[in-house]
Amino acid sequence: MNVSGLHTPQNFSLKALSGDKLSAAEASHPMSATNVWKAVLITLLLAPCLNAQSGTTQSTTTCNLDDGRQVYIRYNAVSLKQQKIQNGKPLEPGGSAMTLFTEAQLSLGSSMIPIGAYTIYPIPAKGNWTIAVNKNVTPGSAYDESQNVARAQMETAQVETPSDTLEVAFAHVGARCTLRIYIGKSASFVDFTAK
């Protein structure tokens, strides 16, 4: 395959795959947005296969905004028997962070979250839980607080009837998507507001 002379981001990978050497400019070329979304899509397509092997069920909750844009979260719906909740340690159900996808710019507390894909980490506490939105979406990577784009305290209450399985849901009113997380006797809530 001869791909010499082609230097567009789309043909960049063809040249690399053909065994041709890449110039320094080509090797340092940033990934295009199209390639990033392709990587996210591949991750989403492979996730059910990986979850099937681990015995967890992947679930999605969606907030449909009035203008048609969506905000949604993918997570592993683990049981309390599978997931130990530790105060101060980010919750990664089934060993994987929850994933947030947003088609709208969002505010969380005093922070702005651009359109895109993120990981989210609920962080349990004795009082109110915290939620961290992180820009590192690499599957299997450890939580790194320095990668946070937003962090906010959640309202947390105790419920009478415990939830044996992690439940994540959105409540939608106007431009606001209220994230609700239930596990055990804890119920935590936080507002994402679309801009």
N, C-alpha and C. Protein backbone atom coordinates (compact mmCIF):
# COMPACT_ATOMS: atom_id res chain seq x y z
N MET A 1 0.86 -1.16 0.00
CA MET A 1 0.00 0.00 0.00
C MET A 1 0.90 1.23 0.00
N ASN A 2 0.70 2.15 -0.92
CA ASN A 2 1.51 3.36 -0.99
C ASN A 2 0.66 4.53 -0.53
N VAL A 3 1.04 5.10 0.60
CA VAL A 3 0.30 6.24 1.13
C VAL A 3 1.22 7.44 1.28
N SER A 4 2.33 7.44 0.59
CA SER A 4 3.26 8.55 0.71
C SER A 4 2.61 9.82 0.19
N GLY A 5 2.94 10.91 0.83
CA GLY A 5 2.41 12.21 0.43
C GLY A 5 1.08 12.53 1.09
N LEU A 6 0.47 11.57 1.77
CA LEU A 6 -0.80 11.82 2.44
C LEU A 6 -0.51 12.21 3.88
N HIS A 7 -0.95 13.37 4.29
CA HIS A 7 -0.63 13.86 5.64
C HIS A 7 -1.86 14.30 6.41
N THR A 8 -3.05 13.93 5.99
CA THR A 8 -4.25 14.31 6.73
C THR A 8 -4.40 13.39 7.92
N PRO A 9 -5.10 13.82 8.99
CA PRO A 9 -5.26 12.96 10.16
C PRO A 9 -5.91 11.63 9.82
N GLN A 10 -6.85 11.61 8.86
CA GLN A 10 -7.52 10.38 8.51
C GLN A 10 -6.55 9.38 7.87
N ASN A 11 -5.61 9.85 7.06
CA ASN A 11 -4.69 8.96 6.37
C ASN A 11 -3.43 8.70 7.17
N PHE A 12 -3.25 9.42 8.23
CA PHE A 12 -2.09 9.26 9.11
C PHE A 12 -1.98 7.81 9.59
N SER A 13 -3.10 7.21 10.03
CA SER A 13 -3.05 5.84 10.54
C SER A 13 -2.80 4.84 9.42
N LEU A 14 -3.26 5.11 8.19
CA LEU A 14 -2.99 4.22 7.07
C LEU A 14 -1.50 4.11 6.81
N LYS A 15 -0.81 5.23 6.87
CA LYS A 15 0.63 5.23 6.64
C LYS A 15 1.33 4.43 7.73
N ALA A 16 0.91 4.64 8.98
CA ALA A 16 1.53 3.92 10.09
C ALA A 16 1.27 2.42 9.97
N LEU A 17 0.05 2.03 9.59
CA LEU A 17 -0.28 0.62 9.45
C LEU A 17 0.44 -0.05 8.29
N SER A 18 0.76 0.71 7.25
CA SER A 18 1.42 0.12 6.09
C SER A 18 2.90 -0.16 6.35
N GLY A 19 3.42 0.32 7.48
CA GLY A 19 4.82 0.09 7.80
C GLY A 19 5.73 1.22 7.35
N ASP A 20 5.17 2.22 6.63
CA ASP A 20 5.98 3.37 6.23
C ASP A 20 6.37 4.15 7.47
N LYS A 21 7.55 4.73 7.46
CA LYS A 21 7.99 5.53 8.59
C LYS A 21 7.25 6.86 8.59
N LEU A 22 6.95 7.34 9.80
CA LEU A 22 6.25 8.61 9.97
C LEU A 22 7.27 9.71 10.19
N SER A 23 7.00 10.88 9.61
CA SER A 23 7.87 12.03 9.87
C SER A 23 7.64 12.49 11.31
N ALA A 24 8.52 13.32 11.84
CA ALA A 24 8.37 13.85 13.20
C ALA A 24 7.07 14.63 13.32
N ALA A 25 6.71 15.39 12.30
CA ALA A 25 5.47 16.17 12.33
C ALA A 25 4.26 15.24 12.38
N GLU A 26 4.29 14.13 11.63
CA GLU A 26 3.17 13.20 11.63
C GLU A 26 3.08 12.47 12.96
N ALA A 27 4.20 12.08 13.53
CA ALA A 27 4.20 11.33 14.78
C ALA A 27 3.70 12.17 15.94
N SER A 28 3.88 13.47 15.88
CA SER A 28 3.44 14.32 16.99
C SER A 28 2.10 14.98 16.71
N HIS A 29 1.44 14.65 15.59
CA HIS A 29 0.15 15.24 15.23
C HIS A 29 -0.91 14.84 16.25
N PRO A 30 -1.66 15.79 16.80
CA PRO A 30 -2.69 15.45 17.78
C PRO A 30 -3.82 14.66 17.13
N MET A 31 -4.47 13.83 17.92
CA MET A 31 -5.60 13.06 17.42
C MET A 31 -6.73 13.99 17.02
N SER A 32 -7.39 13.69 15.94
CA SER A 32 -8.54 14.49 15.53
C SER A 32 -9.73 14.14 16.41
N ALA A 33 -10.70 15.05 16.48
CA ALA A 33 -11.90 14.81 17.27
C ALA A 33 -12.62 13.57 16.77
N THR A 34 -12.61 13.33 15.47
CA THR A 34 -13.25 12.15 14.90
C THR A 34 -12.63 10.88 15.45
N ASN A 35 -11.30 10.84 15.53
CA ASN A 35 -10.63 9.66 16.06
C ASN A 35 -10.91 9.46 17.54
N VAL A 36 -11.02 10.55 18.29
CA VAL A 36 -11.34 10.44 19.71
C VAL A 36 -12.72 9.83 19.88
N TRP A 37 -13.71 10.30 19.11
CA TRP A 37 -15.06 9.76 19.22
C TRP A 37 -15.10 8.30 18.76
N LYS A 38 -14.28 7.93 17.76
CA LYS A 38 -14.20 6.53 17.34
C LYS A 38 -13.69 5.67 18.49
N ALA A 39 -12.68 6.16 19.20
CA ALA A 39 -12.14 5.42 20.34
C ALA A 39 -13.19 5.26 21.44
N VAL A 40 -13.95 6.31 21.70
CA VAL A 40 -15.02 6.23 22.70
C VAL A 40 -16.06 5.21 22.26
N LEU A 41 -16.44 5.23 20.98
CA LEU A 41 -17.43 4.29 20.47
C LEU A 41 -16.93 2.85 20.59
N ILE A 42 -15.69 2.60 20.25
CA ILE A 42 -15.13 1.25 20.37
C ILE A 42 -15.16 0.79 21.82
N THR A 43 -14.81 1.70 22.74
CA THR A 43 -14.85 1.37 24.17
C THR A 43 -16.26 0.98 24.58
N LEU A 44 -17.25 1.75 24.11
CA LEU A 44 -18.64 1.45 24.47
C LEU A 44 -19.09 0.11 23.88
N LEU A 45 -18.65 -0.20 22.69
CA LEU A 45 -19.04 -1.46 22.07
C LEU A 45 -18.40 -2.66 22.75
N LEU A 46 -17.18 -2.49 23.25
CA LEU A 46 -16.49 -3.59 23.91
C LEU A 46 -16.92 -3.77 25.37
N ALA A 47 -17.41 -2.72 25.98
CA ALA A 47 -17.76 -2.77 27.40
C ALA A 47 -18.73 -3.89 27.75
N PRO A 48 -19.82 -4.12 26.98
CA PRO A 48 -20.71 -5.21 27.34
C PRO A 48 -20.03 -6.58 27.33
N CYS A 49 -19.10 -6.80 26.42
CA CYS A 49 -18.37 -8.07 26.38
C CYS A 49 -17.52 -8.24 27.63
N LEU A 50 -16.84 -7.19 28.02
CA LEU A 50 -16.00 -7.25 29.21
C LEU A 50 -16.84 -7.43 30.46
N ASN A 51 -17.99 -6.75 30.53
CA ASN A 51 -18.86 -6.88 31.69
C ASN A 51 -19.48 -8.26 31.77
N ALA A 52 -19.78 -8.88 30.64
CA ALA A 52 -20.35 -10.22 30.63
C ALA A 52 -19.37 -11.20 31.28
N GLN A 53 -18.08 -10.97 31.06
CA GLN A 53 -17.08 -11.84 31.65
C GLN A 53 -16.95 -11.61 33.14
N SER A 54 -17.20 -10.38 33.61
CA SER A 54 -17.03 -10.08 35.03
C SER A 54 -18.29 -10.34 35.85
N GLY A 55 -19.44 -10.66 35.19
CA GLY A 55 -20.66 -10.95 35.91
C GLY A 55 -21.44 -9.71 36.33
N THR A 56 -21.11 -8.54 35.84
CA THR A 56 -21.85 -7.33 36.16
C THR A 56 -22.77 -6.96 35.01
N THR A 57 -23.79 -6.18 35.32
CA THR A 57 -24.73 -5.72 34.30
C THR A 57 -24.49 -4.24 34.05
N GLN A 58 -24.30 -3.88 32.77
CA GLN A 58 -24.11 -2.46 32.46
C GLN A 58 -25.47 -1.81 32.25
N SER A 59 -25.65 -0.65 32.85
CA SER A 59 -26.89 0.10 32.75
C SER A 59 -26.60 1.51 32.28
N THR A 60 -27.62 2.16 31.73
CA THR A 60 -27.51 3.54 31.28
C THR A 60 -28.70 4.31 31.81
N THR A 61 -28.45 5.52 32.26
CA THR A 61 -29.53 6.43 32.63
C THR A 61 -29.37 7.69 31.79
N THR A 62 -30.49 8.24 31.33
CA THR A 62 -30.45 9.36 30.39
C THR A 62 -31.29 10.52 30.90
N CYS A 63 -30.78 11.73 30.67
CA CYS A 63 -31.54 12.96 30.91
C CYS A 63 -31.75 13.60 29.55
N ASN A 64 -33.00 13.66 29.11
CA ASN A 64 -33.36 14.27 27.82
C ASN A 64 -33.75 15.72 28.06
N LEU A 65 -32.92 16.63 27.57
CA LEU A 65 -33.20 18.05 27.74
C LEU A 65 -34.32 18.49 26.79
N ASP A 66 -34.96 19.59 27.11
CA ASP A 66 -36.10 20.09 26.32
C ASP A 66 -35.74 20.36 24.87
N ASP A 67 -34.49 20.73 24.58
CA ASP A 67 -34.08 21.05 23.21
C ASP A 67 -33.59 19.82 22.43
N GLY A 68 -33.72 18.62 23.01
CA GLY A 68 -33.34 17.40 22.32
C GLY A 68 -31.95 16.87 22.66
N ARG A 69 -31.11 17.69 23.29
CA ARG A 69 -29.78 17.22 23.69
C ARG A 69 -29.93 16.23 24.84
N GLN A 70 -28.91 15.37 24.98
CA GLN A 70 -28.96 14.36 26.03
C GLN A 70 -27.71 14.40 26.91
N VAL A 71 -27.92 13.98 28.12
CA VAL A 71 -26.83 13.74 29.08
C VAL A 71 -27.09 12.32 29.57
N TYR A 72 -26.06 11.45 29.49
CA TYR A 72 -26.30 10.11 29.99
C TYR A 72 -25.07 9.54 30.68
N ILE A 73 -25.36 8.57 31.54
CA ILE A 73 -24.32 7.92 32.34
C ILE A 73 -24.42 6.42 32.15
N ARG A 74 -23.28 5.78 31.91
CA ARG A 74 -23.17 4.32 31.86
C ARG A 74 -22.45 3.87 33.12
N TYR A 75 -22.94 2.77 33.70
CA TYR A 75 -22.35 2.27 34.94
C TYR A 75 -22.63 0.79 35.07
N ASN A 76 -21.87 0.13 35.92
CA ASN A 76 -22.09 -1.27 36.24
C ASN A 76 -23.03 -1.34 37.43
N ALA A 77 -24.18 -1.99 37.23
CA ALA A 77 -25.18 -2.12 38.30
C ALA A 77 -24.80 -3.29 39.20
N VAL A 78 -23.90 -3.03 40.11
CA VAL A 78 -23.38 -4.08 41.01
C VAL A 78 -24.24 -4.18 42.26
N SER A 79 -24.18 -5.34 42.89
CA SER A 79 -24.89 -5.53 44.16
C SER A 79 -23.96 -5.16 45.31
N LEU A 80 -24.55 -4.96 46.46
CA LEU A 80 -23.74 -4.66 47.65
C LEU A 80 -22.82 -5.83 47.99
N LYS A 81 -23.20 -7.04 47.60
CA LYS A 81 -22.34 -8.21 47.84
C LYS A 81 -21.08 -8.13 46.98
N GLN A 82 -21.20 -7.51 45.77
CA GLN A 82 -20.06 -7.40 44.85
C GLN A 82 -19.21 -6.16 45.12
N GLN A 83 -19.78 -5.14 45.73
CA GLN A 83 -19.11 -3.84 45.85
C GLN A 83 -19.03 -3.41 47.30
N LYS A 84 -17.83 -3.20 47.79
CA LYS A 84 -17.64 -2.68 49.14
C LYS A 84 -17.58 -1.16 49.06
N ILE A 85 -18.37 -0.49 49.86
CA ILE A 85 -18.40 0.97 49.90
C ILE A 85 -17.44 1.43 51.00
N GLN A 86 -16.44 2.22 50.61
CA GLN A 86 -15.46 2.72 51.59
C GLN A 86 -15.49 4.24 51.59
N ASN A 87 -15.67 4.81 52.78
CA ASN A 87 -15.67 6.27 52.89
C ASN A 87 -14.33 6.84 52.44
N GLY A 88 -14.40 7.91 51.64
CA GLY A 88 -13.21 8.59 51.17
C GLY A 88 -12.56 7.98 49.94
N LYS A 89 -13.05 6.81 49.51
CA LYS A 89 -12.47 6.13 48.33
C LYS A 89 -13.46 6.24 47.17
N PRO A 90 -13.00 6.71 45.99
CA PRO A 90 -13.90 6.83 44.84
C PRO A 90 -14.57 5.50 44.51
N LEU A 91 -15.88 5.57 44.27
CA LEU A 91 -16.67 4.39 43.95
C LEU A 91 -16.49 4.05 42.47
N GLU A 92 -16.01 2.83 42.20
CA GLU A 92 -15.85 2.33 40.84
C GLU A 92 -16.61 1.01 40.76
N PRO A 93 -17.90 1.08 40.42
CA PRO A 93 -18.73 -0.14 40.44
C PRO A 93 -18.20 -1.21 39.51
N GLY A 94 -17.98 -2.40 40.06
CA GLY A 94 -17.46 -3.51 39.26
C GLY A 94 -16.04 -3.27 38.78
N GLY A 95 -15.32 -2.36 39.43
CA GLY A 95 -13.93 -2.08 39.06
C GLY A 95 -13.78 -1.07 37.94
N SER A 96 -14.88 -0.45 37.50
CA SER A 96 -14.83 0.54 36.42
C SER A 96 -15.54 1.82 36.83
N ALA A 97 -14.97 2.94 36.44
CA ALA A 97 -15.61 4.22 36.72
C ALA A 97 -16.89 4.35 35.91
N MET A 98 -17.82 5.13 36.42
CA MET A 98 -19.02 5.47 35.65
C MET A 98 -18.58 6.42 34.54
N THR A 99 -19.31 6.41 33.42
CA THR A 99 -18.95 7.26 32.29
C THR A 99 -20.09 8.22 32.00
N LEU A 100 -19.76 9.50 31.90
CA LEU A 100 -20.71 10.57 31.60
C LEU A 100 -20.50 11.02 30.16
N PHE A 101 -21.58 11.09 29.39
CA PHE A 101 -21.55 11.63 28.04
C PHE A 101 -22.53 12.80 28.02
N THR A 102 -22.09 13.94 27.51
CA THR A 102 -22.99 15.09 27.47
C THR A 102 -22.94 15.77 26.11
N GLU A 103 -24.12 16.07 25.59
CA GLU A 103 -24.25 16.81 24.34
C GLU A 103 -24.46 18.29 24.61
N ALA A 104 -24.43 18.67 25.88
CA ALA A 104 -24.61 20.07 26.28
C ALA A 104 -23.52 20.45 27.26
N GLN A 105 -23.11 21.70 27.22
CA GLN A 105 -22.19 22.20 28.25
C GLN A 105 -22.96 22.20 29.55
N LEU A 106 -22.31 21.73 30.62
CA LEU A 106 -22.99 21.61 31.92
C LEU A 106 -22.27 22.41 32.99
N SER A 107 -23.02 22.86 33.96
CA SER A 107 -22.40 23.42 35.16
C SER A 107 -22.65 22.44 36.30
N LEU A 108 -21.64 22.28 37.12
CA LEU A 108 -21.71 21.47 38.33
C LEU A 108 -21.06 22.30 39.41
N GLY A 109 -21.84 22.73 40.38
CA GLY A 109 -21.30 23.66 41.37
C GLY A 109 -20.85 24.92 40.65
N SER A 110 -19.61 25.33 40.86
CA SER A 110 -19.08 26.54 40.20
C SER A 110 -18.24 26.20 38.96
N SER A 111 -18.22 24.91 38.55
CA SER A 111 -17.40 24.49 37.42
C SER A 111 -18.24 24.28 36.16
N MET A 112 -17.59 24.50 35.00
CA MET A 112 -18.23 24.24 33.71
C MET A 112 -17.63 22.97 33.11
N ILE A 113 -18.50 22.12 32.56
CA ILE A 113 -18.09 20.87 31.93
C ILE A 113 -18.41 20.99 30.44
N PRO A 114 -17.39 21.00 29.57
CA PRO A 114 -17.64 21.09 28.12
C PRO A 114 -18.34 19.84 27.58
N ILE A 115 -18.90 19.95 26.39
CA ILE A 115 -19.49 18.81 25.69
C ILE A 115 -18.42 17.73 25.55
N GLY A 116 -18.80 16.46 25.78
CA GLY A 116 -17.84 15.39 25.61
C GLY A 116 -18.09 14.20 26.52
N ALA A 117 -17.07 13.38 26.68
CA ALA A 117 -17.12 12.17 27.50
C ALA A 117 -16.18 12.33 28.70
N TYR A 118 -16.63 11.84 29.84
CA TYR A 118 -15.89 11.97 31.10
C TYR A 118 -16.13 10.73 31.95
N THR A 119 -15.29 10.51 32.94
CA THR A 119 -15.59 9.54 33.97
C THR A 119 -16.10 10.31 35.18
N ILE A 120 -16.98 9.67 35.92
CA ILE A 120 -17.45 10.31 37.15
C ILE A 120 -17.23 9.35 38.31
N TYR A 121 -16.86 9.94 39.42
CA TYR A 121 -16.55 9.17 40.62
C TYR A 121 -17.35 9.71 41.80
N PRO A 122 -18.36 8.98 42.26
CA PRO A 122 -18.98 9.33 43.54
C PRO A 122 -17.99 8.94 44.64
N ILE A 123 -17.83 9.81 45.63
CA ILE A 123 -16.89 9.52 46.72
C ILE A 123 -17.69 9.50 48.02
N PRO A 124 -17.94 8.30 48.56
CA PRO A 124 -18.74 8.17 49.78
C PRO A 124 -18.08 8.85 50.98
N ALA A 125 -18.91 9.27 51.90
CA ALA A 125 -18.45 9.86 53.15
C ALA A 125 -19.51 9.59 54.22
N LYS A 126 -19.16 9.78 55.48
CA LYS A 126 -20.12 9.59 56.56
C LYS A 126 -21.26 10.59 56.45
N GLY A 127 -20.95 11.81 56.07
CA GLY A 127 -21.97 12.83 55.87
C GLY A 127 -22.39 12.85 54.42
N ASN A 128 -22.14 13.97 53.76
CA ASN A 128 -22.49 14.10 52.35
C ASN A 128 -21.41 13.52 51.45
N TRP A 129 -21.84 12.83 50.40
CA TRP A 129 -20.92 12.30 49.41
C TRP A 129 -20.43 13.45 48.53
N THR A 130 -19.38 13.19 47.75
CA THR A 130 -18.84 14.13 46.78
C THR A 130 -18.89 13.46 45.42
N ILE A 131 -19.02 14.26 44.36
CA ILE A 131 -18.93 13.74 43.00
C ILE A 131 -17.79 14.44 42.29
N ALA A 132 -16.96 13.65 41.58
CA ALA A 132 -15.85 14.20 40.80
C ALA A 132 -16.07 13.82 39.34
N VAL A 133 -15.94 14.82 38.46
CA VAL A 133 -16.02 14.60 37.01
C VAL A 133 -14.60 14.72 36.50
N ASN A 134 -14.14 13.67 35.81
CA ASN A 134 -12.73 13.53 35.46
C ASN A 134 -12.58 13.40 33.95
N LYS A 135 -11.56 14.05 33.38
CA LYS A 135 -11.38 14.02 31.93
C LYS A 135 -10.65 12.77 31.43
N ASN A 136 -10.12 11.94 32.32
CA ASN A 136 -9.43 10.73 31.90
C ASN A 136 -10.46 9.62 31.66
N VAL A 137 -10.69 9.25 30.40
CA VAL A 137 -11.66 8.22 30.06
C VAL A 137 -10.98 6.91 29.62
N THR A 138 -9.71 6.76 29.90
CA THR A 138 -8.99 5.55 29.54
C THR A 138 -9.49 4.39 30.41
N PRO A 139 -10.06 3.34 29.79
CA PRO A 139 -10.56 2.21 30.58
C PRO A 139 -9.47 1.61 31.46
N GLY A 140 -9.85 1.31 32.70
CA GLY A 140 -8.93 0.66 33.62
C GLY A 140 -7.94 1.56 34.33
N SER A 141 -7.94 2.86 33.98
CA SER A 141 -6.97 3.75 34.63
C SER A 141 -7.46 4.13 36.03
N ALA A 142 -6.52 4.36 36.92
CA ALA A 142 -6.84 4.72 38.30
C ALA A 142 -7.32 6.18 38.37
N TYR A 143 -8.14 6.46 39.37
CA TYR A 143 -8.62 7.82 39.58
C TYR A 143 -7.44 8.75 39.88
N ASP A 144 -7.39 9.87 39.19
CA ASP A 144 -6.34 10.87 39.38
C ASP A 144 -7.03 12.22 39.59
N GLU A 145 -7.02 12.69 40.81
CA GLU A 145 -7.72 13.92 41.17
C GLU A 145 -7.26 15.12 40.32
N SER A 146 -6.01 15.12 39.87
CA SER A 146 -5.49 16.24 39.07
C SER A 146 -6.17 16.31 37.70
N GLN A 147 -6.88 15.25 37.30
CA GLN A 147 -7.59 15.23 36.01
C GLN A 147 -9.05 15.69 36.14
N ASN A 148 -9.47 16.11 37.33
CA ASN A 148 -10.85 16.55 37.54
C ASN A 148 -11.14 17.82 36.77
N VAL A 149 -12.32 17.88 36.14
CA VAL A 149 -12.79 19.12 35.53
C VAL A 149 -13.85 19.76 36.42
N ALA A 150 -14.43 18.97 37.33
CA ALA A 150 -15.42 19.50 38.27
C ALA A 150 -15.49 18.57 39.48
N ARG A 151 -15.86 19.18 40.59
CA ARG A 151 -16.03 18.42 41.84
C ARG A 151 -17.04 19.19 42.67
N ALA A 152 -18.02 18.46 43.24
CA ALA A 152 -19.05 19.13 44.03
C ALA A 152 -19.55 18.20 45.13
N GLN A 153 -20.04 18.81 46.18
CA GLN A 153 -20.64 18.04 47.26
C GLN A 153 -22.05 17.63 46.84
N MET A 154 -22.43 16.41 47.19
CA MET A 154 -23.76 15.91 46.91
C MET A 154 -24.60 16.01 48.18
N GLU A 155 -25.89 16.15 48.02
CA GLU A 155 -26.80 16.02 49.17
C GLU A 155 -26.96 14.53 49.40
N THR A 156 -26.83 14.10 50.64
CA THR A 156 -26.92 12.68 50.95
C THR A 156 -27.90 12.48 52.10
N ALA A 157 -28.74 11.48 51.95
CA ALA A 157 -29.72 11.13 52.99
C ALA A 157 -29.73 9.63 53.16
N GLN A 158 -30.28 9.19 54.27
CA GLN A 158 -30.45 7.77 54.53
C GLN A 158 -31.91 7.40 54.22
N VAL A 159 -32.10 6.29 53.52
CA VAL A 159 -33.44 5.84 53.18
C VAL A 159 -33.82 4.65 54.05
N GLU A 160 -35.12 4.47 54.27
CA GLU A 160 -35.58 3.37 55.13
C GLU A 160 -35.38 2.02 54.48
N THR A 161 -35.71 1.92 53.19
CA THR A 161 -35.59 0.66 52.47
C THR A 161 -34.30 0.65 51.67
N PRO A 162 -33.34 -0.19 52.05
CA PRO A 162 -32.05 -0.19 51.34
C PRO A 162 -32.17 -0.75 49.92
N SER A 163 -31.28 -0.28 49.06
CA SER A 163 -31.18 -0.79 47.69
C SER A 163 -30.04 -1.80 47.66
N ASP A 164 -30.35 -3.04 47.30
CA ASP A 164 -29.33 -4.09 47.27
C ASP A 164 -28.39 -3.93 46.08
N THR A 165 -28.84 -3.20 45.05
CA THR A 165 -28.07 -3.00 43.83
C THR A 165 -27.88 -1.50 43.59
N LEU A 166 -26.73 -1.12 43.07
CA LEU A 166 -26.47 0.27 42.72
C LEU A 166 -27.51 0.73 41.70
N GLU A 167 -28.16 1.85 42.01
CA GLU A 167 -29.13 2.45 41.10
C GLU A 167 -28.70 3.88 40.83
N VAL A 168 -28.66 4.25 39.55
CA VAL A 168 -28.30 5.61 39.14
C VAL A 168 -29.42 6.10 38.24
N ALA A 169 -29.91 7.31 38.50
CA ALA A 169 -31.03 7.85 37.71
C ALA A 169 -30.90 9.35 37.61
N PHE A 170 -31.56 9.91 36.60
CA PHE A 170 -31.67 11.36 36.45
C PHE A 170 -33.12 11.77 36.67
N ALA A 171 -33.31 12.91 37.30
CA ALA A 171 -34.60 13.59 37.34
C ALA A 171 -34.40 14.86 36.54
N HIS A 172 -35.32 15.17 35.64
CA HIS A 172 -35.15 16.30 34.73
C HIS A 172 -36.24 17.35 34.95
N VAL A 173 -35.80 18.60 35.15
CA VAL A 173 -36.71 19.74 35.23
C VAL A 173 -36.02 20.89 34.51
N GLY A 174 -36.61 21.34 33.39
CA GLY A 174 -36.04 22.45 32.62
C GLY A 174 -34.64 22.11 32.13
N ALA A 175 -33.69 22.96 32.49
CA ALA A 175 -32.30 22.76 32.07
C ALA A 175 -31.51 21.95 33.09
N ARG A 176 -32.18 21.49 34.14
CA ARG A 176 -31.49 20.80 35.23
C ARG A 176 -31.69 19.29 35.15
N CYS A 177 -30.59 18.56 35.25
CA CYS A 177 -30.59 17.10 35.36
C CYS A 177 -30.06 16.77 36.74
N THR A 178 -30.91 16.27 37.62
CA THR A 178 -30.49 15.91 38.96
C THR A 178 -30.08 14.44 38.97
N LEU A 179 -28.80 14.21 39.23
CA LEU A 179 -28.27 12.86 39.31
C LEU A 179 -28.60 12.29 40.68
N ARG A 180 -29.14 11.08 40.70
CA ARG A 180 -29.50 10.40 41.94
C ARG A 180 -28.77 9.06 41.98
N ILE A 181 -28.09 8.81 43.08
CA ILE A 181 -27.34 7.56 43.25
C ILE A 181 -27.83 6.89 44.53
N TYR A 182 -28.29 5.65 44.40
CA TYR A 182 -28.78 4.87 45.53
C TYR A 182 -27.96 3.60 45.66
N ILE A 183 -27.47 3.33 46.85
CA ILE A 183 -26.84 2.03 47.16
C ILE A 183 -26.90 1.84 48.67
N GLY A 184 -27.31 0.65 49.08
CA GLY A 184 -27.52 0.40 50.49
C GLY A 184 -28.59 1.33 51.02
N LYS A 185 -28.31 1.99 52.12
CA LYS A 185 -29.26 2.94 52.70
C LYS A 185 -28.93 4.38 52.32
N SER A 186 -27.92 4.58 51.47
CA SER A 186 -27.51 5.93 51.06
C SER A 186 -28.20 6.35 49.77
N ALA A 187 -28.67 7.59 49.77
CA ALA A 187 -29.25 8.22 48.58
C ALA A 187 -28.56 9.57 48.44
N SER A 188 -27.86 9.77 47.31
CA SER A 188 -27.11 11.01 47.10
C SER A 188 -27.59 11.69 45.82
N PHE A 189 -27.63 13.04 45.86
CA PHE A 189 -28.18 13.82 44.75
C PHE A 189 -27.28 15.00 44.43
N VAL A 190 -27.20 15.34 43.13
CA VAL A 190 -26.46 16.54 42.71
C VAL A 190 -27.05 17.03 41.40
N ASP A 191 -27.04 18.36 41.18
CA ASP A 191 -27.61 18.96 39.98
C ASP A 191 -26.54 19.27 38.94
N PHE A 192 -26.78 18.83 37.70
CA PHE A 192 -26.05 19.27 36.53
C PHE A 192 -26.99 20.20 35.78
N THR A 193 -26.53 21.40 35.43
CA THR A 193 -27.39 22.36 34.72
C THR A 193 -26.85 22.61 33.34
N ALA A 194 -27.70 22.41 32.32
CA ALA A 194 -27.29 22.59 30.92
C ALA A 194 -27.21 24.08 30.59
N LYS A 195 -26.23 24.43 29.78
CA LYS A 195 -26.06 25.81 29.33
C LYS A 195 -26.34 25.91 27.85
